[in-house]
Amino acid sequence: SRDNAKNTVYLQMNSLKSEDTAIYYCAA
């Protein structure tokens, strides 16, 4: 999701699994 008023994008991650382990990067 994004909140442009705050210049912010979110990534809500639920039900996390071991294979989700990583460095997470955002990009524009």
mmCIF file of all heavy atoms, coordinates in Angstrom:
data_MODEL
# 
_entry.id   MODEL 
# 
loop_
_atom_site.group_PDB 
_atom_site.id 
_atom_site.type_symbol 
_atom_site.label_atom_id 
_atom_site.label_alt_id 
_atom_site.label_comp_id 
_atom_site.label_asym_id 
_atom_site.label_entity_id 
_atom_site.label_seq_id 
_atom_site.pdbx_PDB_ins_code 
_atom_site.Cartn_x 
_atom_site.Cartn_y 
_atom_site.Cartn_z 
_atom_site.occupancy 
_atom_site.B_iso_or_equiv 
_atom_site.pdbx_formal_charge 
_atom_site.auth_seq_id 
_atom_site.auth_comp_id 
_atom_site.auth_asym_id 
_atom_site.auth_atom_id 
_atom_site.pdbx_PDB_model_num 
ATOM 1   N N   . SER A 1 1  ? 0.844  -1.183  0.000  1.00 0.00 ? 1  SER A N   1 
ATOM 2   C CA  . SER A 1 1  ? 0.000  0.000   0.000  1.00 0.00 ? 1  SER A CA  1 
ATOM 3   C C   . SER A 1 1  ? 0.881  1.235   0.000  1.00 0.00 ? 1  SER A C   1 
ATOM 4   O O   . SER A 1 1  ? 2.085  1.148   0.272  1.00 0.00 ? 1  SER A O   1 
ATOM 5   C CB  . SER A 1 1  ? -0.940 0.006   1.216  1.00 0.00 ? 1  SER A CB  1 
ATOM 6   O OG  . SER A 1 1  ? -0.200 0.034   2.424  1.00 0.00 ? 1  SER A OG  1 
ATOM 7   N N   . ARG A 1 2  ? 0.291  2.374   -0.328 1.00 0.00 ? 2  ARG A N   1 
ATOM 8   C CA  . ARG A 1 2  ? 1.078  3.602   -0.309 1.00 0.00 ? 2  ARG A CA  1 
ATOM 9   C C   . ARG A 1 2  ? 0.274  4.743   0.280  1.00 0.00 ? 2  ARG A C   1 
ATOM 10  O O   . ARG A 1 2  ? -0.947 4.831   0.113  1.00 0.00 ? 2  ARG A O   1 
ATOM 11  C CB  . ARG A 1 2  ? 1.601  3.952   -1.712 1.00 0.00 ? 2  ARG A CB  1 
ATOM 12  C CG  . ARG A 1 2  ? 0.561  4.333   -2.745 1.00 0.00 ? 2  ARG A CG  1 
ATOM 13  C CD  . ARG A 1 2  ? 1.192  4.400   -4.151 1.00 0.00 ? 2  ARG A CD  1 
ATOM 14  N NE  . ARG A 1 2  ? 2.233  5.417   -4.237 1.00 0.00 ? 2  ARG A NE  1 
ATOM 15  C CZ  . ARG A 1 2  ? 3.176  5.460   -5.182 1.00 0.00 ? 2  ARG A CZ  1 
ATOM 16  N NH1 . ARG A 1 2  ? 3.211  4.520   -6.127 1.00 0.00 ? 2  ARG A NH1 1 
ATOM 17  N NH2 . ARG A 1 2  ? 4.080  6.423   -5.183 1.00 0.00 ? 2  ARG A NH2 1 
ATOM 18  N N   . ASP A 1 3  ? 0.974  5.615   0.962  1.00 0.00 ? 3  ASP A N   1 
ATOM 19  C CA  . ASP A 1 3  ? 0.414  6.833   1.508  1.00 0.00 ? 3  ASP A CA  1 
ATOM 20  C C   . ASP A 1 3  ? 1.236  7.971   0.932  1.00 0.00 ? 3  ASP A C   1 
ATOM 21  O O   . ASP A 1 3  ? 2.297  8.317   1.453  1.00 0.00 ? 3  ASP A O   1 
ATOM 22  C CB  . ASP A 1 3  ? 0.472  6.826   3.034  1.00 0.00 ? 3  ASP A CB  1 
ATOM 23  C CG  . ASP A 1 3  ? -0.223 8.023   3.650  1.00 0.00 ? 3  ASP A CG  1 
ATOM 24  O OD1 . ASP A 1 3  ? -0.466 9.015   2.948  1.00 0.00 ? 3  ASP A OD1 1 
ATOM 25  O OD2 . ASP A 1 3  ? -0.530 7.969   4.859  1.00 0.00 ? 3  ASP A OD2 1 
ATOM 26  N N   . ASN A 1 4  ? 0.750  8.534   -0.174 1.00 0.00 ? 4  ASN A N   1 
ATOM 27  C CA  . ASN A 1 4  ? 1.520  9.557   -0.869 1.00 0.00 ? 4  ASN A CA  1 
ATOM 28  C C   . ASN A 1 4  ? 1.683  10.834  -0.045 1.00 0.00 ? 4  ASN A C   1 
ATOM 29  O O   . ASN A 1 4  ? 2.650  11.573  -0.233 1.00 0.00 ? 4  ASN A O   1 
ATOM 30  C CB  . ASN A 1 4  ? 0.875  9.881   -2.212 1.00 0.00 ? 4  ASN A CB  1 
ATOM 31  C CG  . ASN A 1 4  ? 1.033  8.757   -3.212 1.00 0.00 ? 4  ASN A CG  1 
ATOM 32  O OD1 . ASN A 1 4  ? 2.045  8.069   -3.231 1.00 0.00 ? 4  ASN A OD1 1 
ATOM 33  N ND2 . ASN A 1 4  ? 0.026  8.573   -4.063 1.00 0.00 ? 4  ASN A ND2 1 
ATOM 34  N N   . ALA A 1 5  ? 0.748  11.104  0.853  1.00 0.00 ? 5  ALA A N   1 
ATOM 35  C CA  . ALA A 1 5  ? 0.871  12.263  1.719  1.00 0.00 ? 5  ALA A CA  1 
ATOM 36  C C   . ALA A 1 5  ? 2.081  12.147  2.630  1.00 0.00 ? 5  ALA A C   1 
ATOM 37  O O   . ALA A 1 5  ? 2.630  13.148  3.085  1.00 0.00 ? 5  ALA A O   1 
ATOM 38  C CB  . ALA A 1 5  ? -0.398 12.451  2.540  1.00 0.00 ? 5  ALA A CB  1 
ATOM 39  N N   . LYS A 1 6  ? 2.477  10.923  2.918  1.00 0.00 ? 6  LYS A N   1 
ATOM 40  C CA  . LYS A 1 6  ? 3.633  10.670  3.767  1.00 0.00 ? 6  LYS A CA  1 
ATOM 41  C C   . LYS A 1 6  ? 4.853  10.217  2.972  1.00 0.00 ? 6  LYS A C   1 
ATOM 42  O O   . LYS A 1 6  ? 5.889  9.904   3.561  1.00 0.00 ? 6  LYS A O   1 
ATOM 43  C CB  . LYS A 1 6  ? 3.305  9.614   4.815  1.00 0.00 ? 6  LYS A CB  1 
ATOM 44  C CG  . LYS A 1 6  ? 2.210  10.025  5.786  1.00 0.00 ? 6  LYS A CG  1 
ATOM 45  C CD  . LYS A 1 6  ? 1.956  8.935   6.813  1.00 0.00 ? 6  LYS A CD  1 
ATOM 46  C CE  . LYS A 1 6  ? 0.891  9.360   7.804  1.00 0.00 ? 6  LYS A CE  1 
ATOM 47  N NZ  . LYS A 1 6  ? 0.619  8.297   8.816  1.00 0.00 ? 6  LYS A NZ  1 
ATOM 48  N N   . ASN A 1 7  ? 4.723  10.170  1.645  1.00 0.00 ? 7  ASN A N   1 
ATOM 49  C CA  . ASN A 1 7  ? 5.804  9.684   0.787  1.00 0.00 ? 7  ASN A CA  1 
ATOM 50  C C   . ASN A 1 7  ? 6.305  8.323   1.258  1.00 0.00 ? 7  ASN A C   1 
ATOM 51  O O   . ASN A 1 7  ? 7.519  8.074   1.322  1.00 0.00 ? 7  ASN A O   1 
ATOM 52  C CB  . ASN A 1 7  ? 6.962  10.684  0.745  1.00 0.00 ? 7  ASN A CB  1 
ATOM 53  C CG  . ASN A 1 7  ? 6.649  11.924  -0.056 1.00 0.00 ? 7  ASN A CG  1 
ATOM 54  O OD1 . ASN A 1 7  ? 5.644  11.990  -0.769 1.00 0.00 ? 7  ASN A OD1 1 
ATOM 55  N ND2 . ASN A 1 7  ? 7.502  12.928  0.047  1.00 0.00 ? 7  ASN A ND2 1 
ATOM 56  N N   . THR A 1 8  ? 5.368  7.457   1.554  1.00 0.00 ? 8  THR A N   1 
ATOM 57  C CA  . THR A 1 8  ? 5.721  6.168   2.135  1.00 0.00 ? 8  THR A CA  1 
ATOM 58  C C   . THR A 1 8  ? 4.919  5.042   1.502  1.00 0.00 ? 8  THR A C   1 
ATOM 59  O O   . THR A 1 8  ? 3.725  5.186   1.239  1.00 0.00 ? 8  THR A O   1 
ATOM 60  C CB  . THR A 1 8  ? 5.486  6.166   3.653  1.00 0.00 ? 8  THR A CB  1 
ATOM 61  O OG1 . THR A 1 8  ? 6.269  7.206   4.258  1.00 0.00 ? 8  THR A OG1 1 
ATOM 62  C CG2 . THR A 1 8  ? 5.891  4.834   4.263  1.00 0.00 ? 8  THR A CG2 1 
ATOM 63  N N   . VAL A 1 9  ? 5.588  3.933   1.259  1.00 0.00 ? 9  VAL A N   1 
ATOM 64  C CA  . VAL A 1 9  ? 4.966  2.699   0.815  1.00 0.00 ? 9  VAL A CA  1 
ATOM 65  C C   . VAL A 1 9  ? 5.198  1.645   1.882  1.00 0.00 ? 9  VAL A C   1 
ATOM 66  O O   . VAL A 1 9  ? 6.276  1.583   2.486  1.00 0.00 ? 9  VAL A O   1 
ATOM 67  C CB  . VAL A 1 9  ? 5.522  2.243   -0.549 1.00 0.00 ? 9  VAL A CB  1 
ATOM 68  C CG1 . VAL A 1 9  ? 5.148  0.791   -0.838 1.00 0.00 ? 9  VAL A CG1 1 
ATOM 69  C CG2 . VAL A 1 9  ? 4.990  3.139   -1.658 1.00 0.00 ? 9  VAL A CG2 1 
ATOM 70  N N   . TYR A 1 10 ? 4.191  0.821   2.095  1.00 0.00 ? 10 TYR A N   1 
ATOM 71  C CA  . TYR A 1 10 ? 4.264  -0.209  3.111  1.00 0.00 ? 10 TYR A CA  1 
ATOM 72  C C   . TYR A 1 10 ? 4.158  -1.594  2.485  1.00 0.00 ? 10 TYR A C   1 
ATOM 73  O O   . TYR A 1 10 ? 3.522  -1.778  1.448  1.00 0.00 ? 10 TYR A O   1 
ATOM 74  C CB  . TYR A 1 10 ? 3.133  -0.051  4.127  1.00 0.00 ? 10 TYR A CB  1 
ATOM 75  C CG  . TYR A 1 10 ? 3.084  1.303   4.776  1.00 0.00 ? 10 TYR A CG  1 
ATOM 76  C CD1 . TYR A 1 10 ? 2.214  2.282   4.311  1.00 0.00 ? 10 TYR A CD1 1 
ATOM 77  C CD2 . TYR A 1 10 ? 3.907  1.602   5.854  1.00 0.00 ? 10 TYR A CD2 1 
ATOM 78  C CE1 . TYR A 1 10 ? 2.168  3.531   4.896  1.00 0.00 ? 10 TYR A CE1 1 
ATOM 79  C CE2 . TYR A 1 10 ? 3.872  2.853   6.449  1.00 0.00 ? 10 TYR A CE2 1 
ATOM 80  C CZ  . TYR A 1 10 ? 3.000  3.814   5.972  1.00 0.00 ? 10 TYR A CZ  1 
ATOM 81  O OH  . TYR A 1 10 ? 2.964  5.049   6.560  1.00 0.00 ? 10 TYR A OH  1 
ATOM 82  N N   . LEU A 1 11 ? 4.758  -2.549  3.134  1.00 0.00 ? 11 LEU A N   1 
ATOM 83  C CA  . LEU A 1 11 ? 4.590  -3.942  2.769  1.00 0.00 ? 11 LEU A CA  1 
ATOM 84  C C   . LEU A 1 11 ? 4.232  -4.703  4.033  1.00 0.00 ? 11 LEU A C   1 
ATOM 85  O O   . LEU A 1 11 ? 5.095  -4.943  4.887  1.00 0.00 ? 11 LEU A O   1 
ATOM 86  C CB  . LEU A 1 11 ? 5.852  -4.523  2.134  1.00 0.00 ? 11 LEU A CB  1 
ATOM 87  C CG  . LEU A 1 11 ? 5.723  -5.956  1.612  1.00 0.00 ? 11 LEU A CG  1 
ATOM 88  C CD1 . LEU A 1 11 ? 4.785  -5.999  0.407  1.00 0.00 ? 11 LEU A CD1 1 
ATOM 89  C CD2 . LEU A 1 11 ? 7.082  -6.534  1.236  1.00 0.00 ? 11 LEU A CD2 1 
ATOM 90  N N   . GLN A 1 12 ? 2.962  -5.042  4.162  1.00 0.00 ? 12 GLN A N   1 
ATOM 91  C CA  . GLN A 1 12 ? 2.506  -5.837  5.290  1.00 0.00 ? 12 GLN A CA  1 
ATOM 92  C C   . GLN A 1 12 ? 2.753  -7.301  4.974  1.00 0.00 ? 12 GLN A C   1 
ATOM 93  O O   . GLN A 1 12 ? 2.253  -7.809  3.965  1.00 0.00 ? 12 GLN A O   1 
ATOM 94  C CB  . GLN A 1 12 ? 1.023  -5.596  5.551  1.00 0.00 ? 12 GLN A CB  1 
ATOM 95  C CG  . GLN A 1 12 ? 0.453  -6.418  6.702  1.00 0.00 ? 12 GLN A CG  1 
ATOM 96  C CD  . GLN A 1 12 ? 1.016  -6.013  8.038  1.00 0.00 ? 12 GLN A CD  1 
ATOM 97  O OE1 . GLN A 1 12 ? 1.097  -4.824  8.349  1.00 0.00 ? 12 GLN A OE1 1 
ATOM 98  N NE2 . GLN A 1 12 ? 1.417  -6.993  8.837  1.00 0.00 ? 12 GLN A NE2 1 
ATOM 99  N N   . MET A 1 13 ? 3.506  -7.960  5.806  1.00 0.00 ? 13 MET A N   1 
ATOM 100 C CA  . MET A 1 13 ? 3.879  -9.347  5.585  1.00 0.00 ? 13 MET A CA  1 
ATOM 101 C C   . MET A 1 13 ? 3.308  -10.196 6.706  1.00 0.00 ? 13 MET A C   1 
ATOM 102 O O   . MET A 1 13 ? 3.683  -10.043 7.868  1.00 0.00 ? 13 MET A O   1 
ATOM 103 C CB  . MET A 1 13 ? 5.398  -9.500  5.520  1.00 0.00 ? 13 MET A CB  1 
ATOM 104 C CG  . MET A 1 13 ? 6.063  -8.583  4.502  1.00 0.00 ? 13 MET A CG  1 
ATOM 105 S SD  . MET A 1 13 ? 7.835  -8.916  4.301  1.00 0.00 ? 13 MET A SD  1 
ATOM 106 C CE  . MET A 1 13 ? 8.417  -8.528  5.956  1.00 0.00 ? 13 MET A CE  1 
ATOM 107 N N   . ASN A 1 14 ? 2.397  -11.085 6.353  1.00 0.00 ? 14 ASN A N   1 
ATOM 108 C CA  . ASN A 1 14 ? 1.768  -11.977 7.312  1.00 0.00 ? 14 ASN A CA  1 
ATOM 109 C C   . ASN A 1 14 ? 2.124  -13.422 6.989  1.00 0.00 ? 14 ASN A C   1 
ATOM 110 O O   . ASN A 1 14 ? 2.584  -13.737 5.898  1.00 0.00 ? 14 ASN A O   1 
ATOM 111 C CB  . ASN A 1 14 ? 0.250  -11.809 7.293  1.00 0.00 ? 14 ASN A CB  1 
ATOM 112 C CG  . ASN A 1 14 ? -0.199 -10.422 7.673  1.00 0.00 ? 14 ASN A CG  1 
ATOM 113 O OD1 . ASN A 1 14 ? 0.417  -9.771  8.515  1.00 0.00 ? 14 ASN A OD1 1 
ATOM 114 N ND2 . ASN A 1 14 ? -1.296 -9.967  7.069  1.00 0.00 ? 14 ASN A ND2 1 
ATOM 115 N N   . SER A 1 15 ? 1.877  -14.281 7.940  1.00 0.00 ? 15 SER A N   1 
ATOM 116 C CA  . SER A 1 15 ? 2.125  -15.714 7.761  1.00 0.00 ? 15 SER A CA  1 
ATOM 117 C C   . SER A 1 15 ? 3.518  -15.973 7.210  1.00 0.00 ? 15 SER A C   1 
ATOM 118 O O   . SER A 1 15 ? 3.708  -16.737 6.259  1.00 0.00 ? 15 SER A O   1 
ATOM 119 C CB  . SER A 1 15 ? 1.065  -16.327 6.839  1.00 0.00 ? 15 SER A CB  1 
ATOM 120 O OG  . SER A 1 15 ? -0.233 -16.141 7.361  1.00 0.00 ? 15 SER A OG  1 
ATOM 121 N N   . LEU A 1 16 ? 4.493  -15.347 7.817  1.00 0.00 ? 16 LEU A N   1 
ATOM 122 C CA  . LEU A 1 16 ? 5.856  -15.426 7.309  1.00 0.00 ? 16 LEU A CA  1 
ATOM 123 C C   . LEU A 1 16 ? 6.415  -16.842 7.400  1.00 0.00 ? 16 LEU A C   1 
ATOM 124 O O   . LEU A 1 16 ? 6.131  -17.582 8.344  1.00 0.00 ? 16 LEU A O   1 
ATOM 125 C CB  . LEU A 1 16 ? 6.752  -14.453 8.065  1.00 0.00 ? 16 LEU A CB  1 
ATOM 126 C CG  . LEU A 1 16 ? 6.567  -12.990 7.657  1.00 0.00 ? 16 LEU A CG  1 
ATOM 127 C CD1 . LEU A 1 16 ? 7.167  -12.058 8.696  1.00 0.00 ? 16 LEU A CD1 1 
ATOM 128 C CD2 . LEU A 1 16 ? 7.208  -12.740 6.292  1.00 0.00 ? 16 LEU A CD2 1 
ATOM 129 N N   . LYS A 1 17 ? 7.201  -17.178 6.405  1.00 0.00 ? 17 LYS A N   1 
ATOM 130 C CA  . LYS A 1 17 ? 7.837  -18.478 6.291  1.00 0.00 ? 17 LYS A CA  1 
ATOM 131 C C   . LYS A 1 17 ? 9.347  -18.309 6.288  1.00 0.00 ? 17 LYS A C   1 
ATOM 132 O O   . LYS A 1 17 ? 9.860  -17.229 5.995  1.00 0.00 ? 17 LYS A O   1 
ATOM 133 C CB  . LYS A 1 17 ? 7.404  -19.182 4.999  1.00 0.00 ? 17 LYS A CB  1 
ATOM 134 C CG  . LYS A 1 17 ? 5.908  -19.293 4.792  1.00 0.00 ? 17 LYS A CG  1 
ATOM 135 C CD  . LYS A 1 17 ? 5.592  -19.855 3.411  1.00 0.00 ? 17 LYS A CD  1 
ATOM 136 C CE  . LYS A 1 17 ? 4.109  -19.950 3.168  1.00 0.00 ? 17 LYS A CE  1 
ATOM 137 N NZ  . LYS A 1 17 ? 3.808  -20.480 1.806  1.00 0.00 ? 17 LYS A NZ  1 
ATOM 138 N N   . SER A 1 18 ? 10.047 -19.386 6.570  1.00 0.00 ? 18 SER A N   1 
ATOM 139 C CA  . SER A 1 18 ? 11.504 -19.319 6.584  1.00 0.00 ? 18 SER A CA  1 
ATOM 140 C C   . SER A 1 18 ? 12.055 -18.878 5.231  1.00 0.00 ? 18 SER A C   1 
ATOM 141 O O   . SER A 1 18 ? 13.076 -18.186 5.177  1.00 0.00 ? 18 SER A O   1 
ATOM 142 C CB  . SER A 1 18 ? 12.102 -20.665 6.987  1.00 0.00 ? 18 SER A CB  1 
ATOM 143 O OG  . SER A 1 18 ? 11.715 -21.688 6.088  1.00 0.00 ? 18 SER A OG  1 
ATOM 144 N N   . GLU A 1 19 ? 11.390 -19.252 4.154  1.00 0.00 ? 19 GLU A N   1 
ATOM 145 C CA  . GLU A 1 19 ? 11.855 -18.873 2.829  1.00 0.00 ? 19 GLU A CA  1 
ATOM 146 C C   . GLU A 1 19 ? 11.664 -17.397 2.514  1.00 0.00 ? 19 GLU A C   1 
ATOM 147 O O   . GLU A 1 19 ? 12.117 -16.918 1.473  1.00 0.00 ? 19 GLU A O   1 
ATOM 148 C CB  . GLU A 1 19 ? 11.182 -19.730 1.744  1.00 0.00 ? 19 GLU A CB  1 
ATOM 149 C CG  . GLU A 1 19 ? 9.673  -19.793 1.843  1.00 0.00 ? 19 GLU A CG  1 
ATOM 150 C CD  . GLU A 1 19 ? 9.182  -21.037 2.549  1.00 0.00 ? 19 GLU A CD  1 
ATOM 151 O OE1 . GLU A 1 19 ? 9.735  -21.371 3.612  1.00 0.00 ? 19 GLU A OE1 1 
ATOM 152 O OE2 . GLU A 1 19 ? 8.238  -21.682 2.038  1.00 0.00 ? 19 GLU A OE2 1 
ATOM 153 N N   . ASP A 1 20 ? 10.997 -16.666 3.402  1.00 0.00 ? 20 ASP A N   1 
ATOM 154 C CA  . ASP A 1 20 ? 10.882 -15.219 3.246  1.00 0.00 ? 20 ASP A CA  1 
ATOM 155 C C   . ASP A 1 20 ? 12.117 -14.493 3.771  1.00 0.00 ? 20 ASP A C   1 
ATOM 156 O O   . ASP A 1 20 ? 12.237 -13.278 3.597  1.00 0.00 ? 20 ASP A O   1 
ATOM 157 C CB  . ASP A 1 20 ? 9.641  -14.687 3.970  1.00 0.00 ? 20 ASP A CB  1 
ATOM 158 C CG  . ASP A 1 20 ? 8.344  -15.208 3.371  1.00 0.00 ? 20 ASP A CG  1 
ATOM 159 O OD1 . ASP A 1 20 ? 8.241  -15.256 2.126  1.00 0.00 ? 20 ASP A OD1 1 
ATOM 160 O OD2 . ASP A 1 20 ? 7.434  -15.555 4.148  1.00 0.00 ? 20 ASP A OD2 1 
ATOM 161 N N   . THR A 1 21 ? 13.006 -15.209 4.416  1.00 0.00 ? 21 THR A N   1 
ATOM 162 C CA  . THR A 1 21 ? 14.218 -14.606 4.949  1.00 0.00 ? 21 THR A CA  1 
ATOM 163 C C   . THR A 1 21 ? 15.062 -14.022 3.824  1.00 0.00 ? 21 THR A C   1 
ATOM 164 O O   . THR A 1 21 ? 15.412 -14.716 2.869  1.00 0.00 ? 21 THR A O   1 
ATOM 165 C CB  . THR A 1 21 ? 15.041 -15.640 5.723  1.00 0.00 ? 21 THR A CB  1 
ATOM 166 O OG1 . THR A 1 21 ? 14.306 -16.069 6.875  1.00 0.00 ? 21 THR A OG1 1 
ATOM 167 C CG2 . THR A 1 21 ? 16.369 -15.055 6.179  1.00 0.00 ? 21 THR A CG2 1 
ATOM 168 N N   . ALA A 1 22 ? 15.375 -12.740 3.925  1.00 0.00 ? 22 ALA A N   1 
ATOM 169 C CA  . ALA A 1 22 ? 16.123 -12.050 2.879  1.00 0.00 ? 22 ALA A CA  1 
ATOM 170 C C   . ALA A 1 22 ? 16.337 -10.606 3.298  1.00 0.00 ? 22 ALA A C   1 
ATOM 171 O O   . ALA A 1 22 ? 15.754 -10.135 4.275  1.00 0.00 ? 22 ALA A O   1 
ATOM 172 C CB  . ALA A 1 22 ? 15.361 -12.084 1.551  1.00 0.00 ? 22 ALA A CB  1 
ATOM 173 N N   . ILE A 1 23 ? 17.172 -9.919  2.552  1.00 0.00 ? 23 ILE A N   1 
ATOM 174 C CA  . ILE A 1 23 ? 17.225 -8.471  2.649  1.00 0.00 ? 23 ILE A CA  1 
ATOM 175 C C   . ILE A 1 23 ? 16.167 -7.924  1.698  1.00 0.00 ? 23 ILE A C   1 
ATOM 176 O O   . ILE A 1 23 ? 16.126 -8.306  0.531  1.00 0.00 ? 23 ILE A O   1 
ATOM 177 C CB  . ILE A 1 23 ? 18.610 -7.914  2.272  1.00 0.00 ? 23 ILE A CB  1 
ATOM 178 C CG1 . ILE A 1 23 ? 19.678 -8.465  3.216  1.00 0.00 ? 23 ILE A CG1 1 
ATOM 179 C CG2 . ILE A 1 23 ? 18.602 -6.392  2.318  1.00 0.00 ? 23 ILE A CG2 1 
ATOM 180 C CD1 . ILE A 1 23 ? 21.093 -8.060  2.835  1.00 0.00 ? 23 ILE A CD1 1 
ATOM 181 N N   . TYR A 1 24 ? 15.338 -7.048  2.208  1.00 0.00 ? 24 TYR A N   1 
ATOM 182 C CA  . TYR A 1 24 ? 14.259 -6.475  1.413  1.00 0.00 ? 24 TYR A CA  1 
ATOM 183 C C   . TYR A 1 24 ? 14.608 -5.051  1.007  1.00 0.00 ? 24 TYR A C   1 
ATOM 184 O O   . TYR A 1 24 ? 15.009 -4.230  1.832  1.00 0.00 ? 24 TYR A O   1 
ATOM 185 C CB  . TYR A 1 24 ? 12.948 -6.482  2.204  1.00 0.00 ? 24 TYR A CB  1 
ATOM 186 C CG  . TYR A 1 24 ? 12.303 -7.846  2.257  1.00 0.00 ? 24 TYR A CG  1 
ATOM 187 C CD1 . TYR A 1 24 ? 12.862 -8.872  3.009  1.00 0.00 ? 24 TYR A CD1 1 
ATOM 188 C CD2 . TYR A 1 24 ? 11.132 -8.120  1.541  1.00 0.00 ? 24 TYR A CD2 1 
ATOM 189 C CE1 . TYR A 1 24 ? 12.290 -10.133 3.040  1.00 0.00 ? 24 TYR A CE1 1 
ATOM 190 C CE2 . TYR A 1 24 ? 10.552 -9.369  1.572  1.00 0.00 ? 24 TYR A CE2 1 
ATOM 191 C CZ  . TYR A 1 24 ? 11.131 -10.377 2.324  1.00 0.00 ? 24 TYR A CZ  1 
ATOM 192 O OH  . TYR A 1 24 ? 10.543 -11.628 2.357  1.00 0.00 ? 24 TYR A OH  1 
ATOM 193 N N   . TYR A 1 25 ? 14.456 -4.771  -0.276 1.00 0.00 ? 25 TYR A N   1 
ATOM 194 C CA  . TYR A 1 25 ? 14.763 -3.467  -0.833 1.00 0.00 ? 25 TYR A CA  1 
ATOM 195 C C   . TYR A 1 25 ? 13.510 -2.852  -1.439 1.00 0.00 ? 25 TYR A C   1 
ATOM 196 O O   . TYR A 1 25 ? 12.713 -3.547  -2.071 1.00 0.00 ? 25 TYR A O   1 
ATOM 197 C CB  . TYR A 1 25 ? 15.808 -3.579  -1.949 1.00 0.00 ? 25 TYR A CB  1 
ATOM 198 C CG  . TYR A 1 25 ? 17.125 -4.190  -1.545 1.00 0.00 ? 25 TYR A CG  1 
ATOM 199 C CD1 . TYR A 1 25 ? 17.317 -5.566  -1.576 1.00 0.00 ? 25 TYR A CD1 1 
ATOM 200 C CD2 . TYR A 1 25 ? 18.180 -3.376  -1.154 1.00 0.00 ? 25 TYR A CD2 1 
ATOM 201 C CE1 . TYR A 1 25 ? 18.535 -6.128  -1.221 1.00 0.00 ? 25 TYR A CE1 1 
ATOM 202 C CE2 . TYR A 1 25 ? 19.404 -3.929  -0.801 1.00 0.00 ? 25 TYR A CE2 1 
ATOM 203 C CZ  . TYR A 1 25 ? 19.575 -5.307  -0.839 1.00 0.00 ? 25 TYR A CZ  1 
ATOM 204 O OH  . TYR A 1 25 ? 20.784 -5.852  -0.491 1.00 0.00 ? 25 TYR A OH  1 
ATOM 205 N N   . CYS A 1 26 ? 13.355 -1.566  -1.281 1.00 0.00 ? 26 CYS A N   1 
ATOM 206 C CA  . CYS A 1 26 ? 12.340 -0.874  -2.046 1.00 0.00 ? 26 CYS A CA  1 
ATOM 207 C C   . CYS A 1 26 ? 13.018 -0.074  -3.146 1.00 0.00 ? 26 CYS A C   1 
ATOM 208 O O   . CYS A 1 26 ? 14.195 0.273   -3.062 1.00 0.00 ? 26 CYS A O   1 
ATOM 209 C CB  . CYS A 1 26 ? 11.456 0.027   -1.172 1.00 0.00 ? 26 CYS A CB  1 
ATOM 210 S SG  . CYS A 1 26 ? 12.254 1.489   -0.489 1.00 0.00 ? 26 CYS A SG  1 
ATOM 211 N N   . ALA A 1 27 ? 12.269 0.179   -4.199 1.00 0.00 ? 27 ALA A N   1 
ATOM 212 C CA  . ALA A 1 27 ? 12.802 0.877   -5.354 1.00 0.00 ? 27 ALA A CA  1 
ATOM 213 C C   . ALA A 1 27 ? 11.708 1.698   -6.008 1.00 0.00 ? 27 ALA A C   1 
ATOM 214 O O   . ALA A 1 27 ? 10.528 1.381   -5.892 1.00 0.00 ? 27 ALA A O   1 
ATOM 215 C CB  . ALA A 1 27 ? 13.384 -0.124  -6.358 1.00 0.00 ? 27 ALA A CB  1 
ATOM 216 N N   . ALA A 1 28 ? 12.119 2.754   -6.709 1.00 0.00 ? 28 ALA A N   1 
ATOM 217 C CA  . ALA A 1 28 ? 11.189 3.663   -7.361 1.00 0.00 ? 28 ALA A CA  1 
ATOM 218 C C   . ALA A 1 28 ? 11.440 3.695   -8.858 1.00 0.00 ? 28 ALA A C   1 
ATOM 219 O O   . ALA A 1 28 ? 12.592 3.723   -9.299 1.00 0.00 ? 28 ALA A O   1 
ATOM 220 C CB  . ALA A 1 28 ? 11.317 5.070   -6.779 1.00 0.00 ? 28 ALA A CB  1 
# 
